[in-house]
Amino acid sequence: MNLTLLMYLIPSLIMFGCGVYGFITRKNMIAIMISLELMLNSVDVNFAVFNRYLFPGQLEGMFFSLFAIAIAAAETALALAIIINVFRIAKKVDINEITKLKF
C-alpha cells in the first residue's frame, strides 16, 4: 500500500493549526508551551515526510528531525524552569494576571 504525500501532510497541518490556535488563545503558560511543542512536532513530521519523498535513500530529514527534537527538549526544560520560578514568585501561571514581574 503506497501512501501519498497528502496523507502525511494533512495530519501535520492539522497538528500545526491546533498548536497555533492553542498558542494564541491560551492564557496558561503550561498550555502555551504544550501548543508550541505541538507545532514543533508537526514540523518534525514534515522533515521526515519530505525527506522520504524527495530523497528516499538519504537520511538528512531524519537527522534534522532528531536535531529539532533535541532543541525542543532543551527549550522545554528551560521554559519549565522559567515557569516554576514565575510560579514561586507570583503564585500564578496565568499570563494576564502576572504583574509582579513588571518593572
PDB file of N, CA and C in Angstrom:
ATOM      1  N   MET A   1       0.848  -1.182   0.000  1.00  0.00           N
ATOM      2  CA  MET A   1       0.000   0.000   0.000  1.00  0.00           C
ATOM      3  C   MET A   1       0.888   1.238   0.000  1.00  0.00           C
ATOM      4  N   ASN A   2       0.720   2.065  -0.984  1.00  0.00           N
ATOM      5  CA  ASN A   2       1.529   3.267  -1.136  1.00  0.00           C
ATOM      6  C   ASN A   2       0.738   4.483  -0.651  1.00  0.00           C
ATOM      7  N   LEU A   3       1.218   5.110   0.380  1.00  0.00           N
ATOM      8  CA  LEU A   3       0.548   6.292   0.909  1.00  0.00           C
ATOM      9  C   LEU A   3       1.034   7.523   0.161  1.00  0.00           C
ATOM     10  N   THR A   4       0.141   8.402  -0.143  1.00  0.00           N
ATOM     11  CA  THR A   4       0.532   9.612  -0.851  1.00  0.00           C
ATOM     12  C   THR A   4       1.068  10.646   0.126  1.00  0.00           C
ATOM     13  N   LEU A   5       1.647  11.670  -0.437  1.00  0.00           N
ATOM     14  CA  LEU A   5       2.247  12.732   0.369  1.00  0.00           C
ATOM     15  C   LEU A   5       1.205  13.454   1.219  1.00  0.00           C
ATOM     16  N   LEU A   6       0.016  13.632   0.662  1.00  0.00           N
ATOM     17  CA  LEU A   6      -1.017  14.360   1.403  1.00  0.00           C
ATOM     18  C   LEU A   6      -1.524  13.606   2.623  1.00  0.00           C
ATOM     19  N   MET A   7      -1.428  12.294   2.610  1.00  0.00           N
ATOM     20  CA  MET A   7      -1.876  11.518   3.768  1.00  0.00           C
ATOM     21  C   MET A   7      -0.983  11.752   4.981  1.00  0.00           C
ATOM     22  N   TYR A   8       0.218  12.243   4.754  1.00  0.00           N
ATOM     23  CA  TYR A   8       1.113  12.616   5.856  1.00  0.00           C
ATOM     24  C   TYR A   8       1.024  14.106   6.169  1.00  0.00           C
ATOM     25  N   LEU A   9       0.857  14.913   5.145  1.00  0.00           N
ATOM     26  CA  LEU A   9       0.897  16.357   5.346  1.00  0.00           C
ATOM     27  C   LEU A   9      -0.386  16.914   5.958  1.00  0.00           C
ATOM     28  N   ILE A  10      -1.514  16.314   5.679  1.00  0.00           N
ATOM     29  CA  ILE A  10      -2.770  16.827   6.238  1.00  0.00           C
ATOM     30  C   ILE A  10      -2.808  16.680   7.762  1.00  0.00           C
ATOM     31  N   PRO A  11      -2.458  15.516   8.343  1.00  0.00           N
ATOM     32  CA  PRO A  11      -2.415  15.469   9.824  1.00  0.00           C
ATOM     33  C   PRO A  11      -1.371  16.424  10.412  1.00  0.00           C
ATOM     34  N   SER A  12      -0.263  16.598   9.699  1.00  0.00           N
ATOM     35  CA  SER A  12       0.746  17.539  10.171  1.00  0.00           C
ATOM     36  C   SER A  12       0.213  18.971  10.140  1.00  0.00           C
ATOM     37  N   LEU A  13      -0.523  19.300   9.101  1.00  0.00           N
ATOM     38  CA  LEU A  13      -1.131  20.632   9.008  1.00  0.00           C
ATOM     39  C   LEU A  13      -2.167  20.833  10.111  1.00  0.00           C
ATOM     40  N   ILE A  14      -2.940  19.806  10.403  1.00  0.00           N
ATOM     41  CA  ILE A  14      -3.933  19.898  11.481  1.00  0.00           C
ATOM     42  C   ILE A  14      -3.237  20.083  12.832  1.00  0.00           C
ATOM     43  N   MET A  15      -2.147  19.330  13.057  1.00  0.00           N
ATOM     44  CA  MET A  15      -1.387  19.483  14.302  1.00  0.00           C
ATOM     45  C   MET A  15      -0.839  20.896  14.429  1.00  0.00           C
ATOM     46  N   PHE A  16      -0.284  21.431  13.338  1.00  0.00           N
ATOM     47  CA  PHE A  16       0.283  22.781  13.388  1.00  0.00           C
ATOM     48  C   PHE A  16      -0.818  23.818  13.631  1.00  0.00           C
ATOM     49  N   GLY A  17      -1.960  23.643  12.976  1.00  0.00           N
ATOM     50  CA  GLY A  17      -3.073  24.572  13.183  1.00  0.00           C
ATOM     51  C   GLY A  17      -3.591  24.544  14.613  1.00  0.00           C
ATOM     52  N   CYS A  18      -3.696  23.347  15.186  1.00  0.00           N
ATOM     53  CA  CYS A  18      -4.126  23.237  16.591  1.00  0.00           C
ATOM     54  C   CYS A  18      -3.108  23.892  17.519  1.00  0.00           C
ATOM     55  N   GLY A  19      -1.828  23.739  17.194  1.00  0.00           N
ATOM     56  CA  GLY A  19      -0.789  24.367  18.002  1.00  0.00           C
ATOM     57  C   GLY A  19      -0.846  25.878  17.934  1.00  0.00           C
ATOM     58  N   VAL A  20      -1.040  26.426  16.740  1.00  0.00           N
ATOM     59  CA  VAL A  20      -1.145  27.884  16.597  1.00  0.00           C
ATOM     60  C   VAL A  20      -2.372  28.408  17.325  1.00  0.00           C
ATOM     61  N   TYR A  21      -3.500  27.714  17.177  1.00  0.00           N
ATOM     62  CA  TYR A  21      -4.718  28.127  17.867  1.00  0.00           C
ATOM     63  C   TYR A  21      -4.532  28.106  19.387  1.00  0.00           C
ATOM     64  N   GLY A  22      -3.928  27.037  19.892  1.00  0.00           N
ATOM     65  CA  GLY A  22      -3.686  26.946  21.329  1.00  0.00           C
ATOM     66  C   GLY A  22      -2.711  27.997  21.820  1.00  0.00           C
ATOM     67  N   PHE A  23      -1.692  28.291  21.017  1.00  0.00           N
ATOM     68  CA  PHE A  23      -0.699  29.293  21.413  1.00  0.00           C
ATOM     69  C   PHE A  23      -1.326  30.676  21.492  1.00  0.00           C
ATOM     70  N   ILE A  24      -2.234  30.974  20.582  1.00  0.00           N
ATOM     71  CA  ILE A  24      -2.846  32.301  20.550  1.00  0.00           C
ATOM     72  C   ILE A  24      -3.933  32.457  21.614  1.00  0.00           C
ATOM     73  N   THR A  25      -4.716  31.410  21.858  1.00  0.00           N
ATOM     74  CA  THR A  25      -5.891  31.561  22.719  1.00  0.00           C
ATOM     75  C   THR A  25      -5.654  31.213  24.181  1.00  0.00           C
ATOM     76  N   ARG A  26      -4.656  30.438  24.510  1.00  0.00           N
ATOM     77  CA  ARG A  26      -4.467  30.005  25.898  1.00  0.00           C
ATOM     78  C   ARG A  26      -3.857  31.106  26.749  1.00  0.00           C
ATOM     79  N   LYS A  27      -4.193  31.095  28.015  1.00  0.00           N
ATOM     80  CA  LYS A  27      -3.662  32.065  28.970  1.00  0.00           C
ATOM     81  C   LYS A  27      -2.717  31.418  29.971  1.00  0.00           C
ATOM     82  N   ASN A  28      -2.725  30.102  30.047  1.00  0.00           N
ATOM     83  CA  ASN A  28      -1.878  29.377  30.969  1.00  0.00           C
ATOM     84  C   ASN A  28      -0.524  29.107  30.302  1.00  0.00           C
ATOM     85  N   MET A  29       0.567  29.347  31.022  1.00  0.00           N
ATOM     86  CA  MET A  29       1.897  29.184  30.435  1.00  0.00           C
ATOM     87  C   MET A  29       2.188  27.734  30.051  1.00  0.00           C
ATOM     88  N   ILE A  30       1.701  26.793  30.825  1.00  0.00           N
ATOM     89  CA  ILE A  30       1.921  25.376  30.519  1.00  0.00           C
ATOM     90  C   ILE A  30       1.186  25.005  29.227  1.00  0.00           C
ATOM     91  N   ALA A  31      -0.046  25.476  29.066  1.00  0.00           N
ATOM     92  CA  ALA A  31      -0.808  25.192  27.850  1.00  0.00           C
ATOM     93  C   ALA A  31      -0.150  25.832  26.624  1.00  0.00           C
ATOM     94  N   ILE A  32       0.411  27.011  26.795  1.00  0.00           N
ATOM     95  CA  ILE A  32       1.118  27.664  25.701  1.00  0.00           C
ATOM     96  C   ILE A  32       2.346  26.858  25.306  1.00  0.00           C
ATOM     97  N   MET A  33       3.049  26.326  26.288  1.00  0.00           N
ATOM     98  CA  MET A  33       4.237  25.524  26.000  1.00  0.00           C
ATOM     99  C   MET A  33       3.859  24.214  25.297  1.00  0.00           C
ATOM    100  N   ILE A  34       2.757  23.612  25.700  1.00  0.00           N
ATOM    101  CA  ILE A  34       2.290  22.387  25.041  1.00  0.00           C
ATOM    102  C   ILE A  34       1.907  22.682  23.590  1.00  0.00           C
ATOM    103  N   SER A  35       1.282  23.814  23.350  1.00  0.00           N
ATOM    104  CA  SER A  35       0.928  24.191  21.982  1.00  0.00           C
ATOM    105  C   SER A  35       2.170  24.425  21.135  1.00  0.00           C
ATOM    106  N   LEU A  36       3.175  25.022  21.713  1.00  0.00           N
ATOM    107  CA  LEU A  36       4.430  25.228  20.995  1.00  0.00           C
ATOM    108  C   LEU A  36       5.088  23.893  20.647  1.00  0.00           C
ATOM    109  N   GLU A  37       5.051  22.948  21.567  1.00  0.00           N
ATOM    110  CA  GLU A  37       5.609  21.618  21.305  1.00  0.00           C
ATOM    111  C   GLU A  37       4.827  20.902  20.208  1.00  0.00           C
ATOM    112  N   LEU A  38       3.526  21.105  20.162  1.00  0.00           N
ATOM    113  CA  LEU A  38       2.713  20.514  19.109  1.00  0.00           C
ATOM    114  C   LEU A  38       3.119  21.057  17.740  1.00  0.00           C
ATOM    115  N   MET A  39       3.380  22.351  17.671  1.00  0.00           N
ATOM    116  CA  MET A  39       3.841  22.943  16.409  1.00  0.00           C
ATOM    117  C   MET A  39       5.201  22.391  16.014  1.00  0.00           C
ATOM    118  N   LEU A  40       6.109  22.258  16.966  1.00  0.00           N
ATOM    119  CA  LEU A  40       7.440  21.723  16.655  1.00  0.00           C
ATOM    120  C   LEU A  40       7.370  20.263  16.199  1.00  0.00           C
ATOM    121  N   ASN A  41       6.472  19.480  16.788  1.00  0.00           N
ATOM    122  CA  ASN A  41       6.323  18.090  16.372  1.00  0.00           C
ATOM    123  C   ASN A  41       5.755  17.979  14.959  1.00  0.00           C
ATOM    124  N   SER A  42       4.863  18.881  14.589  1.00  0.00           N
ATOM    125  CA  SER A  42       4.346  18.832  13.221  1.00  0.00           C
ATOM    126  C   SER A  42       5.443  19.186  12.216  1.00  0.00           C
ATOM    127  N   VAL A  43       6.340  20.074  12.588  1.00  0.00           N
ATOM    128  CA  VAL A  43       7.476  20.385  11.712  1.00  0.00           C
ATOM    129  C   VAL A  43       8.398  19.177  11.587  1.00  0.00           C
ATOM    130  N   ASP A  44       8.590  18.433  12.661  1.00  0.00           N
ATOM    131  CA  ASP A  44       9.408  17.215  12.600  1.00  0.00           C
ATOM    132  C   ASP A  44       8.799  16.186  11.657  1.00  0.00           C
ATOM    133  N   VAL A  45       7.480  16.061  11.679  1.00  0.00           N
ATOM    134  CA  VAL A  45       6.809  15.148  10.758  1.00  0.00           C
ATOM    135  C   VAL A  45       7.060  15.590   9.313  1.00  0.00           C
ATOM    136  N   ASN A  46       6.999  16.892   9.071  1.00  0.00           N
ATOM    137  CA  ASN A  46       7.253  17.404   7.720  1.00  0.00           C
ATOM    138  C   ASN A  46       8.684  17.127   7.275  1.00  0.00           C
ATOM    139  N   PHE A  47       9.642  17.280   8.168  1.00  0.00           N
ATOM    140  CA  PHE A  47      11.032  16.951   7.826  1.00  0.00           C
ATOM    141  C   PHE A  47      11.139  15.508   7.350  1.00  0.00           C
ATOM    142  N   ALA A  48      10.545  14.600   8.093  1.00  0.00           N
ATOM    143  CA  ALA A  48      10.644  13.180   7.757  1.00  0.00           C
ATOM    144  C   ALA A  48       9.910  12.860   6.453  1.00  0.00           C
ATOM    145  N   VAL A  49       8.739  13.449   6.266  1.00  0.00           N
ATOM    146  CA  VAL A  49       7.946  13.167   5.065  1.00  0.00           C
ATOM    147  C   VAL A  49       8.639  13.694   3.816  1.00  0.00           C
ATOM    148  N   PHE A  50       9.096  14.931   3.867  1.00  0.00           N
ATOM    149  CA  PHE A  50       9.750  15.486   2.676  1.00  0.00           C
ATOM    150  C   PHE A  50      11.062  14.784   2.389  1.00  0.00           C
ATOM    151  N   ASN A  51      11.754  14.322   3.407  1.00  0.00           N
ATOM    152  CA  ASN A  51      12.968  13.546   3.167  1.00  0.00           C
ATOM    153  C   ASN A  51      12.635  12.238   2.454  1.00  0.00           C
ATOM    154  N   ARG A  52      11.565  11.596   2.881  1.00  0.00           N
ATOM    155  CA  ARG A  52      11.200  10.315   2.280  1.00  0.00           C
ATOM    156  C   ARG A  52      10.800  10.468   0.812  1.00  0.00           C
ATOM    157  N   TYR A  53      10.087  11.542   0.498  1.00  0.00           N
ATOM    158  CA  TYR A  53       9.598  11.696  -0.866  1.00  0.00           C
ATOM    159  C   TYR A  53      10.602  12.380  -1.795  1.00  0.00           C
ATOM    160  N   LEU A  54      11.419  13.272  -1.288  1.00  0.00           N
ATOM    161  CA  LEU A  54      12.370  13.966  -2.156  1.00  0.00           C
ATOM    162  C   LEU A  54      13.689  13.228  -2.293  1.00  0.00           C
ATOM    163  N   PHE A  55      14.176  12.662  -1.206  1.00  0.00           N
ATOM    164  CA  PHE A  55      15.463  11.951  -1.203  1.00  0.00           C
ATOM    165  C   PHE A  55      15.284  10.619  -0.481  1.00  0.00           C
ATOM    166  N   PRO A  56      14.686   9.613  -1.132  1.00  0.00           N
ATOM    167  CA  PRO A  56      14.326   8.379  -0.434  1.00  0.00           C
ATOM    168  C   PRO A  56      15.495   7.592   0.138  1.00  0.00           C
ATOM    169  N   GLY A  57      16.671   7.680  -0.446  1.00  0.00           N
ATOM    170  CA  GLY A  57      17.783   6.889   0.047  1.00  0.00           C
ATOM    171  C   GLY A  57      18.636   7.573   1.089  1.00  0.00           C
ATOM    172  N   GLN A  58      18.333   8.817   1.403  1.00  0.00           N
ATOM    173  CA  GLN A  58      19.173   9.578   2.324  1.00  0.00           C
ATOM    174  C   GLN A  58      18.436   9.843   3.625  1.00  0.00           C
ATOM    175  N   LEU A  59      19.188  10.259   4.643  1.00  0.00           N
ATOM    176  CA  LEU A  59      18.602  10.430   5.977  1.00  0.00           C
ATOM    177  C   LEU A  59      18.713  11.850   6.520  1.00  0.00           C
ATOM    178  N   GLU A  60      18.895  12.850   5.663  1.00  0.00           N
ATOM    179  CA  GLU A  60      19.054  14.217   6.163  1.00  0.00           C
ATOM    180  C   GLU A  60      17.820  14.710   6.906  1.00  0.00           C
ATOM    181  N   GLY A  61      16.630  14.409   6.385  1.00  0.00           N
ATOM    182  CA  GLY A  61      15.398  14.829   7.061  1.00  0.00           C
ATOM    183  C   GLY A  61      15.250  14.207   8.428  1.00  0.00           C
ATOM    184  N   MET A  62      15.679  12.959   8.546  1.00  0.00           N
ATOM    185  CA  MET A  62      15.611  12.289   9.846  1.00  0.00           C
ATOM    186  C   MET A  62      16.580  12.928  10.842  1.00  0.00           C
ATOM    187  N   PHE A  63      17.763  13.289  10.352  1.00  0.00           N
ATOM    188  CA  PHE A  63      18.728  13.947  11.229  1.00  0.00           C
ATOM    189  C   PHE A  63      18.240  15.332  11.646  1.00  0.00           C
ATOM    190  N   PHE A  64      17.616  16.059  10.709  1.00  0.00           N
ATOM    191  CA  PHE A  64      17.035  17.350  11.074  1.00  0.00           C
ATOM    192  C   PHE A  64      15.940  17.168  12.125  1.00  0.00           C
ATOM    193  N   SER A  65      15.141  16.113  11.975  1.00  0.00           N
ATOM    194  CA  SER A  65      14.091  15.845  12.959  1.00  0.00           C
ATOM    195  C   SER A  65      14.682  15.553  14.331  1.00  0.00           C
ATOM    196  N   LEU A  66      15.718  14.723  14.376  1.00  0.00           N
ATOM    197  CA  LEU A  66      16.366  14.422  15.661  1.00  0.00           C
ATOM    198  C   LEU A  66      16.980  15.666  16.282  1.00  0.00           C
ATOM    199  N   PHE A  67      17.595  16.502  15.457  1.00  0.00           N
ATOM    200  CA  PHE A  67      18.177  17.746  15.949  1.00  0.00           C
ATOM    201  C   PHE A  67      17.079  18.666  16.483  1.00  0.00           C
ATOM    202  N   ALA A  68      15.960  18.762  15.770  1.00  0.00           N
ATOM    203  CA  ALA A  68      14.848  19.609  16.221  1.00  0.00           C
ATOM    204  C   ALA A  68      14.238  19.081  17.512  1.00  0.00           C
ATOM    205  N   ILE A  69      14.182  17.752  17.666  1.00  0.00           N
ATOM    206  CA  ILE A  69      13.660  17.175  18.907  1.00  0.00           C
ATOM    207  C   ILE A  69      14.591  17.492  20.074  1.00  0.00           C
ATOM    208  N   ALA A  70      15.901  17.432  19.835  1.00  0.00           N
ATOM    209  CA  ALA A  70      16.858  17.774  20.899  1.00  0.00           C
ATOM    210  C   ALA A  70      16.738  19.242  21.290  1.00  0.00           C
ATOM    211  N   ILE A  71      16.606  20.116  20.307  1.00  0.00           N
ATOM    212  CA  ILE A  71      16.432  21.546  20.595  1.00  0.00           C
ATOM    213  C   ILE A  71      15.116  21.782  21.344  1.00  0.00           C
ATOM    214  N   ALA A  72      14.058  21.089  20.949  1.00  0.00           N
ATOM    215  CA  ALA A  72      12.769  21.239  21.634  1.00  0.00           C
ATOM    216  C   ALA A  72      12.839  20.751  23.071  1.00  0.00           C
ATOM    217  N   ALA A  73      13.595  19.685  23.318  1.00  0.00           N
ATOM    218  CA  ALA A  73      13.741  19.197  24.693  1.00  0.00           C
ATOM    219  C   ALA A  73      14.476  20.219  25.555  1.00  0.00           C
ATOM    220  N   ALA A  74      15.524  20.827  25.008  1.00  0.00           N
ATOM    221  CA  ALA A  74      16.246  21.861  25.754  1.00  0.00           C
ATOM    222  C   ALA A  74      15.358  23.078  25.986  1.00  0.00           C
ATOM    223  N   GLU A  75      14.584  23.441  24.989  1.00  0.00           N
ATOM    224  CA  GLU A  75      13.668  24.587  25.128  1.00  0.00           C
ATOM    225  C   GLU A  75      12.604  24.294  26.172  1.00  0.00           C
ATOM    226  N   THR A  76      12.105  23.076  26.216  1.00  0.00           N
ATOM    227  CA  THR A  76      11.094  22.703  27.204  1.00  0.00           C
ATOM    228  C   THR A  76      11.658  22.741  28.618  1.00  0.00           C
ATOM    229  N   ALA A  77      12.867  22.243  28.785  1.00  0.00           N
ATOM    230  CA  ALA A  77      13.491  22.278  30.115  1.00  0.00           C
ATOM    231  C   ALA A  77      13.688  23.716  30.586  1.00  0.00           C
ATOM    232  N   LEU A  78      14.137  24.577  29.701  1.00  0.00           N
ATOM    233  CA  LEU A  78      14.338  25.981  30.059  1.00  0.00           C
ATOM    234  C   LEU A  78      13.008  26.671  30.345  1.00  0.00           C
ATOM    235  N   ALA A  79      12.002  26.407  29.534  1.00  0.00           N
ATOM    236  CA  ALA A  79      10.692  27.027  29.756  1.00  0.00           C
ATOM    237  C   ALA A  79      10.065  26.553  31.060  1.00  0.00           C
ATOM    238  N   LEU A  80      10.201  25.274  31.365  1.00  0.00           N
ATOM    239  CA  LEU A  80       9.667  24.778  32.636  1.00  0.00           C
ATOM    240  C   LEU A  80      10.374  25.410  33.832  1.00  0.00           C
ATOM    241  N   ALA A  81      11.678  25.605  33.729  1.00  0.00           N
ATOM    242  CA  ALA A  81      12.410  26.272  34.813  1.00  0.00           C
ATOM    243  C   ALA A  81      11.916  27.706  34.991  1.00  0.00           C
ATOM    244  N   ILE A  82      11.687  28.396  33.905  1.00  0.00           N
ATOM    245  CA  ILE A  82      11.169  29.768  33.989  1.00  0.00           C
ATOM    246  C   ILE A  82       9.768  29.774  34.585  1.00  0.00           C
ATOM    247  N   ILE A  83       8.920  28.854  34.154  1.00  0.00           N
ATOM    248  CA  ILE A  83       7.548  28.791  34.669  1.00  0.00           C
ATOM    249  C   ILE A  83       7.542  28.465  36.158  1.00  0.00           C
ATOM    250  N   ILE A  84       8.401  27.574  36.602  1.00  0.00           N
ATOM    251  CA  ILE A  84       8.475  27.240  38.032  1.00  0.00           C
ATOM    252  C   ILE A  84       8.923  28.457  38.835  1.00  0.00           C
ATOM    253  N   ASN A  85       9.897  29.200  38.348  1.00  0.00           N
ATOM    254  CA  ASN A  85      10.332  30.406  39.057  1.00  0.00           C
ATOM    255  C   ASN A  85       9.257  31.482  39.072  1.00  0.00           C
ATOM    256  N   VAL A  86       8.527  31.636  37.982  1.00  0.00           N
ATOM    257  CA  VAL A  86       7.418  32.600  37.958  1.00  0.00           C
ATOM    258  C   VAL A  86       6.348  32.180  38.947  1.00  0.00           C
ATOM    259  N   PHE A  87       6.061  30.883  39.024  1.00  0.00           N
ATOM    260  CA  PHE A  87       5.051  30.406  39.969  1.00  0.00           C
ATOM    261  C   PHE A  87       5.497  30.628  41.406  1.00  0.00           C
ATOM    262  N   ARG A  88       6.778  30.468  41.680  1.00  0.00           N
ATOM    263  CA  ARG A  88       7.271  30.702  43.041  1.00  0.00           C
ATOM    264  C   ARG A  88       7.109  32.157  43.461  1.00  0.00           C
ATOM    265  N   ILE A  89       7.307  33.068  42.512  1.00  0.00           N
ATOM    266  CA  ILE A  89       7.208  34.496  42.836  1.00  0.00           C
ATOM    267  C   ILE A  89       5.751  34.967  42.847  1.00  0.00           C
ATOM    268  N   ALA A  90       5.010  34.655  41.790  1.00  0.00           N
ATOM    269  CA  ALA A  90       3.681  35.219  41.616  1.00  0.00           C
ATOM    270  C   ALA A  90       2.548  34.313  42.089  1.00  0.00           C
ATOM    271  N   LYS A  91       2.822  33.029  42.334  1.00  0.00           N
ATOM    272  CA  LYS A  91       1.819  32.045  42.741  1.00  0.00           C
ATOM    273  C   LYS A  91       0.726  31.855  41.689  1.00  0.00           C
ATOM    274  N   LYS A  92       1.022  32.215  40.429  1.00  0.00           N
ATOM    275  CA  LYS A  92       0.087  32.058  39.315  1.00  0.00           C
ATOM    276  C   LYS A  92       0.878  31.735  38.065  1.00  0.00           C
ATOM    277  N   VAL A  93       0.218  31.058  37.126  1.00  0.00           N
ATOM    278  CA  VAL A  93       0.835  30.822  35.821  1.00  0.00           C
ATOM    279  C   VAL A  93      -0.028  31.376  34.696  1.00  0.00           C
ATOM    280  N   ASP A  94      -1.007  32.207  35.040  1.00  0.00           N
ATOM    281  CA  ASP A  94      -1.838  32.867  34.049  1.00  0.00           C
ATOM    282  C   ASP A  94      -1.110  34.105  33.551  1.00  0.00           C
ATOM    283  N   ILE A  95      -0.941  34.228  32.242  1.00  0.00           N
ATOM    284  CA  ILE A  95      -0.106  35.311  31.711  1.00  0.00           C
ATOM    285  C   ILE A  95      -0.741  36.686  31.865  1.00  0.00           C
ATOM    286  N   ASN A  96      -2.056  36.759  32.030  1.00  0.00           N
ATOM    287  CA  ASN A  96      -2.706  38.060  32.188  1.00  0.00           C
ATOM    288  C   ASN A  96      -2.642  38.565  33.631  1.00  0.00           C
ATOM    289  N   GLU A  97      -2.465  37.673  34.595  1.00  0.00           N
ATOM    290  CA  GLU A  97      -2.512  38.079  35.998  1.00  0.00           C
ATOM    291  C   GLU A  97      -1.142  38.262  36.644  1.00  0.00           C
ATOM    292  N   ILE A  98      -0.099  38.057  35.878  1.00  0.00           N
ATOM    293  CA  ILE A  98       1.247  38.189  36.442  1.00  0.00           C
ATOM    294  C   ILE A  98       1.701  39.633  36.276  1.00  0.00           C
ATOM    295  N   THR A  99       1.699  40.373  37.392  1.00  0.00           N
ATOM    296  CA  THR A  99       2.132  41.762  37.354  1.00  0.00           C
ATOM    297  C   THR A  99       3.314  42.013  38.253  1.00  0.00           C
ATOM    298  N   LYS A 100       3.714  41.055  39.073  1.00  0.00           N
ATOM    299  CA  LYS A 100       4.837  41.253  39.976  1.00  0.00           C
ATOM    300  C   LYS A 100       6.183  41.305  39.253  1.00  0.00           C
ATOM    301  N   LEU A 101       6.222  40.775  38.044  1.00  0.00           N
ATOM    302  CA  LEU A 101       7.485  40.735  37.318  1.00  0.00           C
ATOM    303  C   LEU A 101       7.698  41.955  36.442  1.00  0.00           C
ATOM    304  N   LYS A 102       6.738  42.860  36.394  1.00  0.00           N
ATOM    305  CA  LYS A 102       6.904  44.085  35.605  1.00  0.00           C
ATOM    306  C   LYS A 102       7.826  45.054  36.334  1.00  0.00           C
ATOM    307  N   PHE A 103       8.464  45.911  35.571  1.00  0.00           N
ATOM    308  CA  PHE A 103       9.357  46.909  36.164  1.00  0.00           C
ATOM    309  C   PHE A 103       8.588  48.008  36.814  1.00  0.00           C
TER     310      PHE A 103
END
